[in-house]
Amino acid sequence: MTKTISCQECENDRCLVKNYCDEKWLDKVDEVKEQLFENEGQYIFSEGQRVRGVYIIQHGKVKVISEEMRGKLRVVRIAGNGHFVGHHSLNYEAYPVNAVTIENSTICFIDNENLYQIFMKNPKFTYEVMKFYVVELQKMESRLKNSTLLDCREKVAETLLVIKDVFGVNSLDKSLNGNLTRMDIAEMAGENVENVIRNLSNFESEGLIVKKGKKLILSDEEGLKKLIMS
C-alpha cells in the first residue's frame, strides 16, 4: 500500500495549499483530504459525474478532455505538479469534461465543504488561488482566440510551446516532459494526427525541433514563437 504523504512532508514546491495556508491549517488539510494514487490512463473524473470538490496534483501529469461533436476528442488543458483540476466546475452540479492521468500520479482531493472553510480562514491562499484562476482563464482565452486565427502549422508550434510551459523539459536530454502521444498533440492543436506528424517532420527538417523516437526536443524555441507571431 502506498504511504499517504502529509502536507508537511510534501516536496511539491508549487502547491498553493502548502505555500499559502497557515501552518496550523496544513494539519487540518491532512485530516480532510483524500489522496489518490492513480496509474497512467486513469480517469480522475468523467463528464456527467457529480462535482464533489477539487483535485490538486501532488506529483504527476493530467490532461483534461472535452468530447466534441461526432465523438471527436479535444485536449483543452494539461496540468502538472501543484495544478488544480476540476476547479472550473465548482459552480456546476456535474463535470462538463473528463480528466485523465498521462503518467502515474499522486493527487489530493478536497471536498467542497472543507475547501470553503479553507478559503474563508486562509486569505493568502484564497488570493493565490484567484490569481491561478485568472492566469488559467487568460491562457484558455488566448488558445481559443488562436484556434480561429492560426493555421495548422502555427497551432502545432503553439501546442509544443504550451507543453514545455506546463511540463518543462527533461534535465538530461532537454526533451519535452510528459508522455504525450502524437494523437494527444493533435487533440490539443485541434488538428488531425496526420497533419501533426507532417508538421513535426517539417519542423525537424527546418531545425526547429529534434525527434528522438517518441521524444521531442525544442531546438529553436524562438523560431517556433516567431511562427505564431507571424
Protein backbone atom coordinates (compact mmCIF):
# COMPACT_ATOMS: atom_id res chain seq x y z
CA MET A 1 0.00 0.00 0.00
CA THR A 2 1.37 3.44 -0.95
CA LYS A 3 2.04 5.73 2.00
CA THR A 4 -0.05 8.89 2.27
CA ILE A 5 2.12 11.99 2.05
CA SER A 6 1.31 14.77 4.51
CA CYS A 7 1.39 18.45 3.54
CA GLN A 8 4.43 18.96 5.78
CA GLU A 9 6.30 16.11 4.06
CA CYS A 10 5.24 17.08 0.54
CA GLU A 11 8.14 18.04 -1.73
CA ASN A 12 5.92 19.83 -4.25
CA ASP A 13 7.10 23.44 -4.04
CA ARG A 14 4.32 24.59 -6.41
CA CYS A 15 1.41 23.54 -4.20
CA LEU A 16 -0.70 26.56 -3.23
CA VAL A 17 -2.06 24.78 -0.16
CA LYS A 18 1.39 24.12 1.23
CA ASN A 19 2.79 27.52 0.30
CA TYR A 20 -0.05 29.80 1.38
CA CYS A 21 -2.21 28.11 4.02
CA ASP A 22 -1.45 28.99 7.64
CA GLU A 23 0.72 26.25 9.13
CA LYS A 24 -1.94 25.16 11.62
CA TRP A 25 -4.32 24.63 8.72
CA LEU A 26 -1.98 22.20 6.99
CA ASP A 27 -2.77 19.66 9.73
CA LYS A 28 -6.48 20.27 9.10
CA VAL A 29 -5.98 19.72 5.36
CA ASP A 30 -4.23 16.44 6.11
CA GLU A 31 -7.26 15.34 8.15
CA VAL A 32 -9.82 16.07 5.46
CA LYS A 33 -8.03 15.42 2.16
CA GLU A 34 -8.21 12.17 0.24
CA GLN A 35 -5.04 11.05 -1.50
CA LEU A 36 -5.36 9.20 -4.79
CA PHE A 37 -2.61 7.11 -6.36
CA GLU A 38 -3.64 6.73 -9.99
CA ASN A 39 -1.94 4.77 -12.75
CA GLU A 40 -1.36 6.19 -16.23
CA GLY A 41 -4.60 6.40 -18.22
CA GLN A 42 -6.86 6.51 -15.16
CA TYR A 43 -9.90 8.81 -15.18
CA ILE A 44 -9.87 11.18 -12.18
CA PHE A 45 -13.38 12.31 -13.01
CA SER A 46 -15.67 11.90 -16.01
CA GLU A 47 -18.11 14.12 -17.85
CA GLY A 48 -21.50 13.99 -16.13
CA GLN A 49 -20.07 12.90 -12.79
CA ARG A 50 -21.27 14.93 -9.78
CA VAL A 51 -18.86 17.67 -8.69
CA ARG A 52 -17.71 16.95 -5.15
CA GLY A 53 -14.64 19.16 -4.82
CA VAL A 54 -11.26 19.99 -6.30
CA TYR A 55 -8.23 17.87 -7.21
CA ILE A 56 -4.65 19.06 -6.69
CA ILE A 57 -1.81 17.26 -8.46
CA GLN A 58 0.83 16.47 -5.86
CA HIS A 59 3.03 14.69 -8.39
CA GLY A 60 2.16 13.69 -11.94
CA LYS A 61 0.54 14.88 -15.15
CA VAL A 62 -3.09 15.12 -16.26
CA LYS A 63 -4.94 16.02 -19.44
CA VAL A 64 -8.44 17.50 -19.45
CA ILE A 65 -10.51 16.21 -22.37
CA SER A 66 -13.68 17.56 -23.94
CA GLU A 67 -15.86 15.29 -26.06
CA GLU A 68 -16.96 17.29 -29.09
CA MET A 69 -19.30 16.57 -32.00
CA ARG A 70 -19.20 13.16 -33.70
CA GLY A 71 -17.18 11.67 -30.87
CA LYS A 72 -14.14 13.83 -31.59
CA LEU A 73 -11.91 14.48 -28.56
CA ARG A 74 -10.13 17.73 -27.71
CA VAL A 75 -7.44 18.13 -25.05
CA VAL A 76 -8.46 21.51 -23.65
CA ARG A 77 -5.83 21.70 -20.93
CA ILE A 78 -2.83 19.89 -19.47
CA ALA A 79 -1.83 20.15 -15.81
CA GLY A 80 1.25 19.23 -13.77
CA ASN A 81 2.62 19.39 -10.25
CA GLY A 82 0.73 21.81 -8.00
CA HIS A 83 -2.04 22.49 -10.51
CA PHE A 84 -5.72 22.37 -9.65
CA VAL A 85 -8.01 20.16 -11.73
CA GLY A 86 -11.79 20.41 -11.74
CA HIS A 87 -11.77 23.92 -10.29
CA HIS A 88 -13.64 25.37 -13.28
CA SER A 89 -16.56 23.11 -12.37
CA LEU A 90 -17.09 24.18 -8.76
CA ASN A 91 -20.26 26.12 -9.66
CA TYR A 92 -21.66 23.18 -11.66
CA GLU A 93 -23.55 20.13 -10.49
CA ALA A 94 -21.69 17.86 -12.92
CA TYR A 95 -18.31 17.94 -14.67
CA PRO A 96 -18.57 19.06 -18.32
CA VAL A 97 -15.19 17.45 -19.16
CA ASN A 98 -13.00 14.43 -18.35
CA ALA A 99 -9.63 14.41 -16.56
CA VAL A 100 -7.19 11.57 -17.32
CA THR A 101 -3.69 10.87 -15.96
CA ILE A 102 -0.86 10.94 -18.51
CA GLU A 103 1.51 9.15 -16.13
CA ASN A 104 1.30 7.53 -12.70
CA SER A 105 0.17 10.37 -10.46
CA THR A 106 -0.45 11.25 -6.82
CA ILE A 107 -3.46 13.54 -6.45
CA CYS A 108 -5.04 15.20 -3.41
CA PHE A 109 -8.80 15.69 -3.28
CA ILE A 110 -10.55 18.25 -1.04
CA ASP A 111 -14.35 18.24 -0.90
CA ASN A 112 -16.39 21.41 -1.40
CA GLU A 113 -17.37 21.92 2.24
CA ASN A 114 -13.81 21.72 3.56
CA LEU A 115 -12.47 23.73 0.63
CA TYR A 116 -14.90 26.52 1.55
CA GLN A 117 -13.62 26.54 5.14
CA ILE A 118 -10.00 26.68 3.94
CA PHE A 119 -10.84 29.62 1.67
CA MET A 120 -12.58 31.53 4.47
CA LYS A 121 -9.77 31.06 7.01
CA ASN A 122 -6.74 31.49 4.72
CA PRO A 123 -6.93 34.77 2.78
CA LYS A 124 -3.42 34.43 1.29
CA PHE A 125 -4.33 31.02 -0.10
CA THR A 126 -7.63 32.33 -1.45
CA TYR A 127 -5.86 35.23 -3.18
CA GLU A 128 -3.26 32.94 -4.78
CA VAL A 129 -5.98 30.56 -6.00
CA MET A 130 -7.77 33.56 -7.53
CA LYS A 131 -4.53 34.51 -9.33
CA PHE A 132 -4.20 30.92 -10.55
CA TYR A 133 -7.76 31.08 -11.93
CA VAL A 134 -7.00 34.36 -13.72
CA VAL A 135 -3.85 33.01 -15.37
CA GLU A 136 -5.62 29.82 -16.47
CA LEU A 137 -8.51 31.87 -17.87
CA GLN A 138 -6.10 34.10 -19.80
CA LYS A 139 -4.36 31.05 -21.26
CA MET A 140 -7.69 29.50 -22.23
CA GLU A 141 -8.91 32.71 -23.87
CA SER A 142 -5.62 33.03 -25.78
CA ARG A 143 -5.80 29.47 -27.08
CA LEU A 144 -9.48 29.92 -28.03
CA LYS A 145 -8.59 33.06 -29.98
CA ASN A 146 -5.63 31.36 -31.65
CA SER A 147 -7.75 28.37 -32.66
CA THR A 148 -9.63 30.64 -35.08
CA LEU A 149 -6.64 32.68 -36.27
CA LEU A 150 -3.75 30.22 -36.60
CA ASP A 151 -3.23 27.70 -39.37
CA CYS A 152 -2.30 24.07 -38.68
CA ARG A 153 1.45 24.71 -38.71
CA GLU A 154 1.10 27.55 -36.19
CA LYS A 155 -1.26 25.55 -33.97
CA VAL A 156 1.24 22.68 -33.73
CA ALA A 157 4.03 25.13 -32.86
CA GLU A 158 1.86 26.71 -30.16
CA THR A 159 0.98 23.30 -28.73
CA LEU A 160 4.65 22.34 -28.37
CA LEU A 161 5.32 25.60 -26.51
CA VAL A 162 2.33 25.00 -24.21
CA ILE A 163 3.63 21.53 -23.33
CA LYS A 164 7.04 22.98 -22.46
CA ASP A 165 5.45 25.75 -20.38
CA VAL A 166 3.35 23.33 -18.33
CA PHE A 167 5.53 20.22 -18.08
CA GLY A 168 9.04 21.59 -18.68
CA VAL A 169 11.87 19.52 -20.14
CA ASN A 170 13.91 16.51 -19.13
CA SER A 171 17.08 17.63 -17.32
CA LEU A 172 19.22 15.07 -19.16
CA ASP A 173 18.30 15.36 -22.84
CA LYS A 174 16.10 18.51 -22.79
CA SER A 175 13.20 16.61 -24.37
CA LEU A 176 9.65 17.65 -23.52
CA ASN A 177 8.35 16.12 -20.31
CA GLY A 178 5.03 14.32 -20.41
CA ASN A 179 4.13 11.07 -22.08
CA LEU A 180 2.06 12.80 -24.76
CA THR A 181 1.37 10.87 -27.94
CA ARG A 182 1.11 12.37 -31.41
CA MET A 183 -2.66 11.93 -31.02
CA ASP A 184 -2.59 13.95 -27.77
CA ILE A 185 -0.73 16.73 -29.56
CA ALA A 186 -3.30 16.59 -32.39
CA GLU A 187 -6.18 16.80 -29.91
CA MET A 188 -4.54 19.78 -28.20
CA ALA A 189 -3.97 21.54 -31.51
CA GLY A 190 -7.45 20.71 -32.81
CA GLU A 191 -5.99 19.05 -35.91
CA ASN A 192 -5.86 15.52 -37.26
CA VAL A 193 -2.88 13.38 -36.38
CA GLU A 194 -1.62 13.13 -39.98
CA ASN A 195 -1.24 16.92 -40.19
CA VAL A 196 0.58 16.96 -36.85
CA ILE A 197 3.04 14.24 -37.93
CA ARG A 198 3.70 16.06 -41.19
CA ASN A 199 4.33 19.39 -39.45
CA LEU A 200 6.62 17.79 -36.87
CA SER A 201 8.67 16.34 -39.73
CA ASN A 202 8.79 19.77 -41.37
CA PHE A 203 9.86 21.38 -38.09
CA GLU A 204 12.66 18.83 -37.79
CA SER A 205 13.92 19.49 -41.33
CA GLU A 206 13.87 23.24 -40.56
CA GLY A 207 15.92 22.76 -37.38
CA LEU A 208 13.10 23.86 -35.06
CA ILE A 209 12.87 20.52 -33.24
CA VAL A 210 14.75 17.25 -32.90
CA LYS A 211 12.91 13.93 -32.77
CA LYS A 212 14.34 11.03 -30.74
CA GLY A 213 11.84 8.23 -31.14
CA LYS A 214 8.68 9.48 -29.42
CA LYS A 215 10.61 12.26 -27.67
CA LEU A 216 10.65 15.84 -28.94
CA ILE A 217 13.36 18.44 -28.27
CA LEU A 218 12.64 22.10 -29.00
CA SER A 219 15.98 23.07 -30.53
CA ASP A 220 14.79 26.51 -31.70
CA GLU A 221 12.13 27.74 -29.32
CA GLU A 222 12.37 31.31 -30.59
CA GLY A 223 11.80 30.06 -34.12
CA LEU A 224 8.58 28.35 -33.01
CA LYS A 225 7.43 31.55 -31.31
CA LYS A 226 8.09 33.55 -34.49
CA LEU A 227 5.86 31.17 -36.43
CA ILE A 228 2.94 32.11 -34.17
CA MET A 229 3.76 35.84 -34.08
CA SER A 230 3.89 35.98 -37.87
